Amino acid sequence: ADGGTITLGSGQDITITHVADTGINIKNISTSGNSGVGAVLTLQTGDT
């Protein structure tokens, strides 16, 4: 639904949230450990 959120991690530290009629927000909600880094999106290839 509008505003729906996918929450990732045992600590629920990463969220992917729908922004109605616009797109998505990817957020690192952790305030410790990874503080200062923000959300990280890594594009990877499986080529060996």
ModelCIF file with pLDDT and N, C-alpha, C, O atoms, coordinates in Angstrom:
data_MODEL
#
_entry.id   MODEL 
#
_entity.id                         1 
_entity.type                       polymer 
_entity.pdbx_number_of_molecules   1 
#
_entity_poly.entity_id                      1 
_entity_poly.type                           'polypeptide(L)' 
_entity_poly.nstd_linkage                   no 
_entity_poly.nstd_monomer                   no 
_entity_poly.pdbx_seq_one_letter_code       ADGGTITLGSGQDITITHVADTGINIKNISTSGNSGVGAVLTLQTGDT 
_entity_poly.pdbx_seq_one_letter_code_can   ADGGTITLGSGQDITITHVADTGINIKNISTSGNSGVGAVLTLQTGDT 
_entity_poly.pdbx_strand_id                 A 
#
loop_
_entity_poly_seq.entity_id 
_entity_poly_seq.num 
_entity_poly_seq.mon_id 
_entity_poly_seq.hetero 
1 1  ALA n 
1 2  ASP n 
1 3  GLY n 
1 4  GLY n 
1 5  THR n 
1 6  ILE n 
1 7  THR n 
1 8  LEU n 
1 9  GLY n 
1 10 SER n 
1 11 GLY n 
1 12 GLN n 
1 13 ASP n 
1 14 ILE n 
1 15 THR n 
1 16 ILE n 
1 17 THR n 
1 18 HIS n 
1 19 VAL n 
1 20 ALA n 
1 21 ASP n 
1 22 THR n 
1 23 GLY n 
1 24 ILE n 
1 25 ASN n 
1 26 ILE n 
1 27 LYS n 
1 28 ASN n 
1 29 ILE n 
1 30 SER n 
1 31 THR n 
1 32 SER n 
1 33 GLY n 
1 34 ASN n 
1 35 SER n 
1 36 GLY n 
1 37 VAL n 
1 38 GLY n 
1 39 ALA n 
1 40 VAL n 
1 41 LEU n 
1 42 THR n 
1 43 LEU n 
1 44 GLN n 
1 45 THR n 
1 46 GLY n 
1 47 ASP n 
1 48 THR n 
#
_struct_asym.id          A 
_struct_asym.entity_id   1 
#
loop_
_ma_qa_metric.id 
_ma_qa_metric.mode 
_ma_qa_metric.name 
_ma_qa_metric.software_group_id 
_ma_qa_metric.type 
1 global pLDDT . pLDDT 
2 local  pLDDT . pLDDT 
#
_ma_qa_metric_global.metric_id      1 
_ma_qa_metric_global.metric_value   89.92 
_ma_qa_metric_global.model_id       1 
_ma_qa_metric_global.ordinal_id     1 
#
loop_
_ma_qa_metric_local.label_asym_id 
_ma_qa_metric_local.label_comp_id 
_ma_qa_metric_local.label_seq_id 
_ma_qa_metric_local.metric_id 
_ma_qa_metric_local.metric_value 
_ma_qa_metric_local.model_id 
_ma_qa_metric_local.ordinal_id 
A ALA 1  2 96.00 1 1  
A ASP 2  2 97.00 1 2  
A GLY 3  2 96.00 1 3  
A GLY 4  2 96.00 1 4  
A THR 5  2 96.00 1 5  
A ILE 6  2 96.00 1 6  
A THR 7  2 95.00 1 7  
A LEU 8  2 94.00 1 8  
A GLY 9  2 90.00 1 9  
A SER 10 2 90.00 1 10 
A GLY 11 2 87.00 1 11 
A GLN 12 2 90.00 1 12 
A ASP 13 2 88.00 1 13 
A ILE 14 2 92.00 1 14 
A THR 15 2 95.00 1 15 
A ILE 16 2 96.00 1 16 
A THR 17 2 97.00 1 17 
A HIS 18 2 97.00 1 18 
A VAL 19 2 97.00 1 19 
A ALA 20 2 96.00 1 20 
A ASP 21 2 95.00 1 21 
A THR 22 2 96.00 1 22 
A GLY 23 2 96.00 1 23 
A ILE 24 2 96.00 1 24 
A ASN 25 2 97.00 1 25 
A ILE 26 2 95.00 1 26 
A LYS 27 2 93.00 1 27 
A ASN 28 2 90.00 1 28 
A ILE 29 2 88.00 1 29 
A SER 30 2 80.00 1 30 
A THR 31 2 72.00 1 31 
A SER 32 2 70.00 1 32 
A GLY 33 2 61.00 1 33 
A ASN 34 2 60.00 1 34 
A SER 35 2 65.00 1 35 
A GLY 36 2 73.00 1 36 
A VAL 37 2 78.00 1 37 
A GLY 38 2 84.00 1 38 
A ALA 39 2 88.00 1 39 
A VAL 40 2 89.00 1 40 
A LEU 41 2 93.00 1 41 
A THR 42 2 95.00 1 42 
A LEU 43 2 97.00 1 43 
A GLN 44 2 97.00 1 44 
A THR 45 2 97.00 1 45 
A GLY 46 2 96.00 1 46 
A ASP 47 2 97.00 1 47 
A THR 48 2 97.00 1 48 
#
loop_
_atom_site.group_PDB 
_atom_site.id 
_atom_site.type_symbol 
_atom_site.label_atom_id 
_atom_site.label_alt_id 
_atom_site.label_comp_id 
_atom_site.label_asym_id 
_atom_site.label_entity_id 
_atom_site.label_seq_id 
_atom_site.pdbx_PDB_ins_code 
_atom_site.Cartn_x 
_atom_site.Cartn_y 
_atom_site.Cartn_z 
_atom_site.occupancy 
_atom_site.B_iso_or_equiv 
_atom_site.pdbx_formal_charge 
_atom_site.auth_seq_id 
_atom_site.auth_comp_id 
_atom_site.auth_asym_id 
_atom_site.auth_atom_id 
_atom_site.pdbx_PDB_model_num 
ATOM 1   N N  . ALA A 1 1  ? 0.836  -1.201  0.000   1.00 96.00 ? 1  ALA A N  1 
ATOM 2   C CA . ALA A 1 1  ? 0.000  0.000   0.000   1.00 96.00 ? 1  ALA A CA 1 
ATOM 3   C C  . ALA A 1 1  ? 0.876  1.259   0.000   1.00 96.00 ? 1  ALA A C  1 
ATOM 4   O O  . ALA A 1 1  ? 2.086  1.179   0.209   1.00 96.00 ? 1  ALA A O  1 
ATOM 5   N N  . ASP A 1 2  ? 0.256  2.422   -0.236  1.00 97.00 ? 2  ASP A N  1 
ATOM 6   C CA . ASP A 1 2  ? 0.969  3.694   -0.149  1.00 97.00 ? 2  ASP A CA 1 
ATOM 7   C C  . ASP A 1 2  ? 1.698  3.796   1.178   1.00 97.00 ? 2  ASP A C  1 
ATOM 8   O O  . ASP A 1 2  ? 1.122  3.562   2.240   1.00 97.00 ? 2  ASP A O  1 
ATOM 9   N N  . GLY A 1 3  ? 2.969  4.149   1.103   1.00 96.00 ? 3  GLY A N  1 
ATOM 10  C CA . GLY A 1 3  ? 3.752  4.290   2.327   1.00 96.00 ? 3  GLY A CA 1 
ATOM 11  C C  . GLY A 1 3  ? 4.246  2.977   2.888   1.00 96.00 ? 3  GLY A C  1 
ATOM 12  O O  . GLY A 1 3  ? 4.827  2.954   3.973   1.00 96.00 ? 3  GLY A O  1 
ATOM 13  N N  . GLY A 1 4  ? 4.029  1.863   2.166   1.00 96.00 ? 4  GLY A N  1 
ATOM 14  C CA . GLY A 1 4  ? 4.462  0.557   2.652   1.00 96.00 ? 4  GLY A CA 1 
ATOM 15  C C  . GLY A 1 4  ? 5.970  0.498   2.836   1.00 96.00 ? 4  GLY A C  1 
ATOM 16  O O  . GLY A 1 4  ? 6.719  1.113   2.078   1.00 96.00 ? 4  GLY A O  1 
ATOM 17  N N  . THR A 1 5  ? 6.415  -0.246  3.848   1.00 96.00 ? 5  THR A N  1 
ATOM 18  C CA . THR A 1 5  ? 7.841  -0.320  4.175   1.00 96.00 ? 5  THR A CA 1 
ATOM 19  C C  . THR A 1 5  ? 8.316  -1.771  4.197   1.00 96.00 ? 5  THR A C  1 
ATOM 20  O O  . THR A 1 5  ? 7.651  -2.645  4.753   1.00 96.00 ? 5  THR A O  1 
ATOM 21  N N  . ILE A 1 6  ? 9.463  -2.014  3.592   1.00 96.00 ? 6  ILE A N  1 
ATOM 22  C CA . ILE A 1 6  ? 10.171 -3.283  3.731   1.00 96.00 ? 6  ILE A CA 1 
ATOM 23  C C  . ILE A 1 6  ? 11.299 -3.037  4.726   1.00 96.00 ? 6  ILE A C  1 
ATOM 24  O O  . ILE A 1 6  ? 12.168 -2.198  4.490   1.00 96.00 ? 6  ILE A O  1 
ATOM 25  N N  . THR A 1 7  ? 11.285 -3.766  5.829   1.00 95.00 ? 7  THR A N  1 
ATOM 26  C CA . THR A 1 7  ? 12.281 -3.576  6.891   1.00 95.00 ? 7  THR A CA 1 
ATOM 27  C C  . THR A 1 7  ? 13.246 -4.749  6.896   1.00 95.00 ? 7  THR A C  1 
ATOM 28  O O  . THR A 1 7  ? 12.827 -5.906  6.906   1.00 95.00 ? 7  THR A O  1 
ATOM 29  N N  . LEU A 1 8  ? 14.540 -4.449  6.890   1.00 94.00 ? 8  LEU A N  1 
ATOM 30  C CA . LEU A 1 8  ? 15.567 -5.478  6.766   1.00 94.00 ? 8  LEU A CA 1 
ATOM 31  C C  . LEU A 1 8  ? 16.458 -5.522  8.000   1.00 94.00 ? 8  LEU A C  1 
ATOM 32  O O  . LEU A 1 8  ? 16.739 -4.493  8.615   1.00 94.00 ? 8  LEU A O  1 
ATOM 33  N N  . GLY A 1 9  ? 16.896 -6.719  8.351   1.00 90.00 ? 9  GLY A N  1 
ATOM 34  C CA . GLY A 1 9  ? 17.839 -6.899  9.440   1.00 90.00 ? 9  GLY A CA 1 
ATOM 35  C C  . GLY A 1 9  ? 17.169 -7.244  10.755  1.00 90.00 ? 9  GLY A C  1 
ATOM 36  O O  . GLY A 1 9  ? 16.039 -6.834  11.022  1.00 90.00 ? 9  GLY A O  1 
ATOM 37  N N  . SER A 1 10 ? 17.894 -8.016  11.587  1.00 90.00 ? 10 SER A N  1 
ATOM 38  C CA . SER A 1 10 ? 17.355 -8.381  12.895  1.00 90.00 ? 10 SER A CA 1 
ATOM 39  C C  . SER A 1 10 ? 17.122 -7.160  13.764  1.00 90.00 ? 10 SER A C  1 
ATOM 40  O O  . SER A 1 10 ? 16.241 -7.153  14.625  1.00 90.00 ? 10 SER A O  1 
ATOM 41  N N  . GLY A 1 11 ? 17.924 -6.121  13.530  1.00 87.00 ? 11 GLY A N  1 
ATOM 42  C CA . GLY A 1 11 ? 17.742 -4.875  14.277  1.00 87.00 ? 11 GLY A CA 1 
ATOM 43  C C  . GLY A 1 11 ? 16.869 -3.879  13.560  1.00 87.00 ? 11 GLY A C  1 
ATOM 44  O O  . GLY A 1 11 ? 16.739 -2.734  13.992  1.00 87.00 ? 11 GLY A O  1 
ATOM 45  N N  . GLN A 1 12 ? 16.254 -4.316  12.437  1.00 90.00 ? 12 GLN A N  1 
ATOM 46  C CA . GLN A 1 12 ? 15.401 -3.442  11.625  1.00 90.00 ? 12 GLN A CA 1 
ATOM 47  C C  . GLN A 1 12 ? 16.101 -2.118  11.295  1.00 90.00 ? 12 GLN A C  1 
ATOM 48  O O  . GLN A 1 12 ? 15.502 -1.047  11.392  1.00 90.00 ? 12 GLN A O  1 
ATOM 49  N N  . ASP A 1 13 ? 17.378 -2.207  10.903  1.00 88.00 ? 13 ASP A N  1 
ATOM 50  C CA . ASP A 1 13 ? 18.179 -1.004  10.707  1.00 88.00 ? 13 ASP A CA 1 
ATOM 51  C C  . ASP A 1 13 ? 18.096 -0.419  9.301   1.00 88.00 ? 13 ASP A C  1 
ATOM 52  O O  . ASP A 1 13 ? 18.424 0.751   9.105   1.00 88.00 ? 13 ASP A O  1 
ATOM 53  N N  . ILE A 1 14 ? 17.659 -1.217  8.312   1.00 92.00 ? 14 ILE A N  1 
ATOM 54  C CA . ILE A 1 14 ? 17.541 -0.712  6.941   1.00 92.00 ? 14 ILE A CA 1 
ATOM 55  C C  . ILE A 1 14 ? 16.081 -0.799  6.502   1.00 92.00 ? 14 ILE A C  1 
ATOM 56  O O  . ILE A 1 14 ? 15.435 -1.836  6.653   1.00 92.00 ? 14 ILE A O  1 
ATOM 57  N N  . THR A 1 15 ? 15.572 0.306   5.957   1.00 95.00 ? 15 THR A N  1 
ATOM 58  C CA . THR A 1 15 ? 14.188 0.321   5.485   1.00 95.00 ? 15 THR A CA 1 
ATOM 59  C C  . THR A 1 15 ? 14.116 0.782   4.035   1.00 95.00 ? 15 THR A C  1 
ATOM 60  O O  . THR A 1 15 ? 14.872 1.655   3.608   1.00 95.00 ? 15 THR A O  1 
ATOM 61  N N  . ILE A 1 16 ? 13.201 0.185   3.292   1.00 96.00 ? 16 ILE A N  1 
ATOM 62  C CA . ILE A 1 16 ? 12.864 0.628   1.939   1.00 96.00 ? 16 ILE A CA 1 
ATOM 63  C C  . ILE A 1 16 ? 11.400 1.044   1.994   1.00 96.00 ? 16 ILE A C  1 
ATOM 64  O O  . ILE A 1 16 ? 10.516 0.206   2.170   1.00 96.00 ? 16 ILE A O  1 
ATOM 65  N N  . THR A 1 17 ? 11.151 2.330   1.843   1.00 97.00 ? 17 THR A N  1 
ATOM 66  C CA . THR A 1 17 ? 9.812  2.869   2.051   1.00 97.00 ? 17 THR A CA 1 
ATOM 67  C C  . THR A 1 17 ? 9.250  3.485   0.784   1.00 97.00 ? 17 THR A C  1 
ATOM 68  O O  . THR A 1 17 ? 9.923  4.258   0.102   1.00 97.00 ? 17 THR A O  1 
ATOM 69  N N  . HIS A 1 18 ? 8.023  3.137   0.479   1.00 97.00 ? 18 HIS A N  1 
ATOM 70  C CA . HIS A 1 18 ? 7.345  3.718   -0.689  1.00 97.00 ? 18 HIS A CA 1 
ATOM 71  C C  . HIS A 1 18 ? 6.944  5.161   -0.406  1.00 97.00 ? 18 HIS A C  1 
ATOM 72  O O  . HIS A 1 18 ? 6.374  5.466   0.641   1.00 97.00 ? 18 HIS A O  1 
ATOM 73  N N  . VAL A 1 19 ? 7.251  6.048   -1.359  1.00 97.00 ? 19 VAL A N  1 
ATOM 74  C CA . VAL A 1 19 ? 6.786  7.437   -1.307  1.00 97.00 ? 19 VAL A CA 1 
ATOM 75  C C  . VAL A 1 19 ? 5.691  7.557   -2.356  1.00 97.00 ? 19 VAL A C  1 
ATOM 76  O O  . VAL A 1 19 ? 5.963  7.478   -3.554  1.00 97.00 ? 19 VAL A O  1 
ATOM 77  N N  . ALA A 1 20 ? 4.471  7.744   -1.915  1.00 96.00 ? 20 ALA A N  1 
ATOM 78  C CA . ALA A 1 20 ? 3.318  7.698   -2.820  1.00 96.00 ? 20 ALA A CA 1 
ATOM 79  C C  . ALA A 1 20 ? 3.508  8.591   -4.039  1.00 96.00 ? 20 ALA A C  1 
ATOM 80  O O  . ALA A 1 20 ? 3.852  9.766   -3.917  1.00 96.00 ? 20 ALA A O  1 
ATOM 81  N N  . ASP A 1 21 ? 3.279  8.017   -5.214  1.00 95.00 ? 21 ASP A N  1 
ATOM 82  C CA . ASP A 1 21 ? 3.314  8.721   -6.494  1.00 95.00 ? 21 ASP A CA 1 
ATOM 83  C C  . ASP A 1 21 ? 4.682  9.291   -6.847  1.00 95.00 ? 21 ASP A C  1 
ATOM 84  O O  . ASP A 1 21 ? 4.784  10.107  -7.763  1.00 95.00 ? 21 ASP A O  1 
ATOM 85  N N  . THR A 1 22 ? 5.745  8.877   -6.135  1.00 96.00 ? 22 THR A N  1 
ATOM 86  C CA . THR A 1 22 ? 7.076  9.434   -6.387  1.00 96.00 ? 22 THR A CA 1 
ATOM 87  C C  . THR A 1 22 ? 8.140  8.363   -6.582  1.00 96.00 ? 22 THR A C  1 
ATOM 88  O O  . THR A 1 22 ? 8.775  8.309   -7.635  1.00 96.00 ? 22 THR A O  1 
ATOM 89  N N  . GLY A 1 23 ? 8.342  7.511   -5.586  1.00 96.00 ? 23 GLY A N  1 
ATOM 90  C CA . GLY A 1 23 ? 9.408  6.518   -5.688  1.00 96.00 ? 23 GLY A CA 1 
ATOM 91  C C  . GLY A 1 23 ? 9.601  5.798   -4.376  1.00 96.00 ? 23 GLY A C  1 
ATOM 92  O O  . GLY A 1 23 ? 8.631  5.473   -3.691  1.00 96.00 ? 23 GLY A O  1 
ATOM 93  N N  . ILE A 1 24 ? 10.863 5.545   -4.016  1.00 96.00 ? 24 ILE A N  1 
ATOM 94  C CA . ILE A 1 24 ? 11.170 4.867   -2.769  1.00 96.00 ? 24 ILE A CA 1 
ATOM 95  C C  . ILE A 1 24 ? 12.288 5.595   -2.042  1.00 96.00 ? 24 ILE A C  1 
ATOM 96  O O  . ILE A 1 24 ? 13.094 6.293   -2.658  1.00 96.00 ? 24 ILE A O  1 
ATOM 97  N N  . ASN A 1 25 ? 12.328 5.425   -0.730  1.00 97.00 ? 25 ASN A N  1 
ATOM 98  C CA . ASN A 1 25 ? 13.431 5.897   0.092   1.00 97.00 ? 25 ASN A CA 1 
ATOM 99  C C  . ASN A 1 25 ? 14.146 4.692   0.688   1.00 97.00 ? 25 ASN A C  1 
ATOM 100 O O  . ASN A 1 25 ? 13.508 3.797   1.241   1.00 97.00 ? 25 ASN A O  1 
ATOM 101 N N  . ILE A 1 26 ? 15.464 4.670   0.575   1.00 95.00 ? 26 ILE A N  1 
ATOM 102 C CA . ILE A 1 26 ? 16.275 3.650   1.239   1.00 95.00 ? 26 ILE A CA 1 
ATOM 103 C C  . ILE A 1 26 ? 17.000 4.342   2.388   1.00 95.00 ? 26 ILE A C  1 
ATOM 104 O O  . ILE A 1 26 ? 17.730 5.311   2.179   1.00 95.00 ? 26 ILE A O  1 
ATOM 105 N N  . LYS A 1 27 ? 16.792 3.839   3.595   1.00 93.00 ? 27 LYS A N  1 
ATOM 106 C CA . LYS A 1 27 ? 17.300 4.550   4.769   1.00 93.00 ? 27 LYS A CA 1 
ATOM 107 C C  . LYS A 1 27 ? 18.009 3.614   5.732   1.00 93.00 ? 27 LYS A C  1 
ATOM 108 O O  . LYS A 1 27 ? 17.537 2.510   6.002   1.00 93.00 ? 27 LYS A O  1 
ATOM 109 N N  . ASN A 1 28 ? 19.150 4.064   6.251   1.00 90.00 ? 28 ASN A N  1 
ATOM 110 C CA . ASN A 1 28 ? 19.825 3.397   7.352   1.00 90.00 ? 28 ASN A CA 1 
ATOM 111 C C  . ASN A 1 28 ? 19.407 4.134   8.618   1.00 90.00 ? 28 ASN A C  1 
ATOM 112 O O  . ASN A 1 28 ? 19.816 5.274   8.840   1.00 90.00 ? 28 ASN A O  1 
ATOM 113 N N  . ILE A 1 29 ? 18.591 3.483   9.449   1.00 88.00 ? 29 ILE A N  1 
ATOM 114 C CA . ILE A 1 29 ? 18.046 4.169   10.617  1.00 88.00 ? 29 ILE A CA 1 
ATOM 115 C C  . ILE A 1 29 ? 18.905 3.963   11.857  1.00 88.00 ? 29 ILE A C  1 
ATOM 116 O O  . ILE A 1 29 ? 18.559 4.433   12.941  1.00 88.00 ? 29 ILE A O  1 
ATOM 117 N N  . SER A 1 30 ? 20.047 3.248   11.697  1.00 80.00 ? 30 SER A N  1 
ATOM 118 C CA . SER A 1 30 ? 20.926 2.989   12.834  1.00 80.00 ? 30 SER A CA 1 
ATOM 119 C C  . SER A 1 30 ? 21.554 4.291   13.328  1.00 80.00 ? 30 SER A C  1 
ATOM 120 O O  . SER A 1 30 ? 21.973 5.129   12.529  1.00 80.00 ? 30 SER A O  1 
ATOM 121 N N  . THR A 1 31 ? 21.614 4.451   14.629  1.00 72.00 ? 31 THR A N  1 
ATOM 122 C CA . THR A 1 31 ? 22.242 5.641   15.225  1.00 72.00 ? 31 THR A CA 1 
ATOM 123 C C  . THR A 1 31 ? 23.556 5.283   15.886  1.00 72.00 ? 31 THR A C  1 
ATOM 124 O O  . THR A 1 31 ? 24.163 6.127   16.546  1.00 72.00 ? 31 THR A O  1 
ATOM 125 N N  . SER A 1 32 ? 24.011 4.049   15.725  1.00 70.00 ? 32 SER A N  1 
ATOM 126 C CA . SER A 1 32 ? 25.287 3.623   16.290  1.00 70.00 ? 32 SER A CA 1 
ATOM 127 C C  . SER A 1 32 ? 25.887 2.543   15.408  1.00 70.00 ? 32 SER A C  1 
ATOM 128 O O  . SER A 1 32 ? 25.185 1.964   14.579  1.00 70.00 ? 32 SER A O  1 
ATOM 129 N N  . GLY A 1 33 ? 27.142 2.269   15.567  1.00 61.00 ? 33 GLY A N  1 
ATOM 130 C CA . GLY A 1 33 ? 27.799 1.236   14.768  1.00 61.00 ? 33 GLY A CA 1 
ATOM 131 C C  . GLY A 1 33 ? 28.116 1.729   13.374  1.00 61.00 ? 33 GLY A C  1 
ATOM 132 O O  . GLY A 1 33 ? 29.285 1.904   13.029  1.00 61.00 ? 33 GLY A O  1 
ATOM 133 N N  . ASN A 1 34 ? 27.103 1.953   12.574  1.00 60.00 ? 34 ASN A N  1 
ATOM 134 C CA . ASN A 1 34 ? 27.289 2.434   11.208  1.00 60.00 ? 34 ASN A CA 1 
ATOM 135 C C  . ASN A 1 34 ? 26.981 3.924   11.104  1.00 60.00 ? 34 ASN A C  1 
ATOM 136 O O  . ASN A 1 34 ? 26.778 4.445   10.008  1.00 60.00 ? 34 ASN A O  1 
ATOM 137 N N  . SER A 1 35 ? 26.945 4.595   12.227  1.00 65.00 ? 35 SER A N  1 
ATOM 138 C CA . SER A 1 35 ? 26.589 6.014   12.261  1.00 65.00 ? 35 SER A CA 1 
ATOM 139 C C  . SER A 1 35 ? 27.531 6.833   11.387  1.00 65.00 ? 35 SER A C  1 
ATOM 140 O O  . SER A 1 35 ? 28.745 6.629   11.397  1.00 65.00 ? 35 SER A O  1 
ATOM 141 N N  . GLY A 1 36 ? 26.961 7.750   10.642  1.00 73.00 ? 36 GLY A N  1 
ATOM 142 C CA . GLY A 1 36 ? 27.762 8.605   9.773   1.00 73.00 ? 36 GLY A CA 1 
ATOM 143 C C  . GLY A 1 36 ? 27.926 8.069   8.372   1.00 73.00 ? 36 GLY A C  1 
ATOM 144 O O  . GLY A 1 36 ? 28.399 8.792   7.494   1.00 73.00 ? 36 GLY A O  1 
ATOM 145 N N  . VAL A 1 37 ? 27.548 6.816   8.129   1.00 78.00 ? 37 VAL A N  1 
ATOM 146 C CA . VAL A 1 37 ? 27.704 6.229   6.809   1.00 78.00 ? 37 VAL A CA 1 
ATOM 147 C C  . VAL A 1 37 ? 26.445 6.423   5.966   1.00 78.00 ? 37 VAL A C  1 
ATOM 148 O O  . VAL A 1 37 ? 26.535 6.669   4.763   1.00 78.00 ? 37 VAL A O  1 
ATOM 149 N N  . GLY A 1 38 ? 25.289 6.315   6.584   1.00 84.00 ? 38 GLY A N  1 
ATOM 150 C CA . GLY A 1 38 ? 24.051 6.412   5.833   1.00 84.00 ? 38 GLY A CA 1 
ATOM 151 C C  . GLY A 1 38 ? 23.749 5.116   5.106   1.00 84.00 ? 38 GLY A C  1 
ATOM 152 O O  . GLY A 1 38 ? 24.382 4.093   5.366   1.00 84.00 ? 38 GLY A O  1 
ATOM 153 N N  . ALA A 1 39 ? 22.788 5.152   4.197   1.00 88.00 ? 39 ALA A N  1 
ATOM 154 C CA . ALA A 1 39 ? 22.413 3.951   3.446   1.00 88.00 ? 39 ALA A CA 1 
ATOM 155 C C  . ALA A 1 39 ? 23.447 3.678   2.358   1.00 88.00 ? 39 ALA A C  1 
ATOM 156 O O  . ALA A 1 39 ? 23.933 4.608   1.715   1.00 88.00 ? 39 ALA A O  1 
ATOM 157 N N  . VAL A 1 40 ? 23.778 2.426   2.154   1.00 89.00 ? 40 VAL A N  1 
ATOM 158 C CA . VAL A 1 40 ? 24.754 2.025   1.142   1.00 89.00 ? 40 VAL A CA 1 
ATOM 159 C C  . VAL A 1 40 ? 24.066 1.115   0.126   1.00 89.00 ? 40 VAL A C  1 
ATOM 160 O O  . VAL A 1 40 ? 23.507 0.079   0.486   1.00 89.00 ? 40 VAL A O  1 
ATOM 161 N N  . LEU A 1 41 ? 24.114 1.510   -1.144  1.00 93.00 ? 41 LEU A N  1 
ATOM 162 C CA . LEU A 1 41 ? 23.564 0.702   -2.233  1.00 93.00 ? 41 LEU A CA 1 
ATOM 163 C C  . LEU A 1 41 ? 24.735 0.182   -3.052  1.00 93.00 ? 41 LEU A C  1 
ATOM 164 O O  . LEU A 1 41 ? 25.447 0.970   -3.674  1.00 93.00 ? 41 LEU A O  1 
ATOM 165 N N  . THR A 1 42 ? 24.946 -1.119  -3.064  1.00 95.00 ? 42 THR A N  1 
ATOM 166 C CA . THR A 1 42 ? 26.070 -1.720  -3.774  1.00 95.00 ? 42 THR A CA 1 
ATOM 167 C C  . THR A 1 42 ? 25.560 -2.526  -4.962  1.00 95.00 ? 42 THR A C  1 
ATOM 168 O O  . THR A 1 42 ? 24.746 -3.436  -4.807  1.00 95.00 ? 42 THR A O  1 
ATOM 169 N N  . LEU A 1 43 ? 26.052 -2.179  -6.154  1.00 97.00 ? 43 LEU A N  1 
ATOM 170 C CA . LEU A 1 43 ? 25.714 -2.931  -7.358  1.00 97.00 ? 43 LEU A CA 1 
ATOM 171 C C  . LEU A 1 43 ? 26.840 -3.927  -7.610  1.00 97.00 ? 43 LEU A C  1 
ATOM 172 O O  . LEU A 1 43 ? 27.998 -3.532  -7.742  1.00 97.00 ? 43 LEU A O  1 
ATOM 173 N N  . GLN A 1 44 ? 26.512 -5.206  -7.676  1.00 97.00 ? 44 GLN A N  1 
ATOM 174 C CA . GLN A 1 44 ? 27.521 -6.249  -7.801  1.00 97.00 ? 44 GLN A CA 1 
ATOM 175 C C  . GLN A 1 44 ? 27.286 -7.107  -9.042  1.00 97.00 ? 44 GLN A C  1 
ATOM 176 O O  . GLN A 1 44 ? 26.162 -7.224  -9.530  1.00 97.00 ? 44 GLN A O  1 
ATOM 177 N N  . THR A 1 45 ? 28.360 -7.699  -9.540  1.00 97.00 ? 45 THR A N  1 
ATOM 178 C CA . THR A 1 45 ? 28.270 -8.680  -10.610 1.00 97.00 ? 45 THR A CA 1 
ATOM 179 C C  . THR A 1 45 ? 28.671 -10.042 -10.066 1.00 97.00 ? 45 THR A C  1 
ATOM 180 O O  . THR A 1 45 ? 29.516 -10.135 -9.175  1.00 97.00 ? 45 THR A O  1 
ATOM 181 N N  . GLY A 1 46 ? 28.069 -11.099 -10.599 1.00 96.00 ? 46 GLY A N  1 
ATOM 182 C CA . GLY A 1 46 ? 28.415 -12.446 -10.184 1.00 96.00 ? 46 GLY A CA 1 
ATOM 183 C C  . GLY A 1 46 ? 29.515 -13.054 -11.035 1.00 96.00 ? 46 GLY A C  1 
ATOM 184 O O  . GLY A 1 46 ? 29.898 -14.206 -10.826 1.00 96.00 ? 46 GLY A O  1 
ATOM 185 N N  . ASP A 1 47 ? 30.032 -12.284 -12.001 1.00 97.00 ? 47 ASP A N  1 
ATOM 186 C CA . ASP A 1 47 ? 31.091 -12.773 -12.888 1.00 97.00 ? 47 ASP A CA 1 
ATOM 187 C C  . ASP A 1 47 ? 32.333 -13.122 -12.067 1.00 97.00 ? 47 ASP A C  1 
ATOM 188 O O  . ASP A 1 47 ? 32.736 -12.353 -11.194 1.00 97.00 ? 47 ASP A O  1 
ATOM 189 N N  . THR A 1 48 ? 32.935 -14.272 -12.342 1.00 97.00 ? 48 THR A N  1 
ATOM 190 C CA . THR A 1 48 ? 34.126 -14.718 -11.608 1.00 97.00 ? 48 THR A CA 1 
ATOM 191 C C  . THR A 1 48 ? 35.421 -14.466 -12.377 1.00 97.00 ? 48 THR A C  1 
ATOM 192 O O  . THR A 1 48 ? 36.503 -14.787 -11.886 1.00 97.00 ? 48 THR A O  1 
#
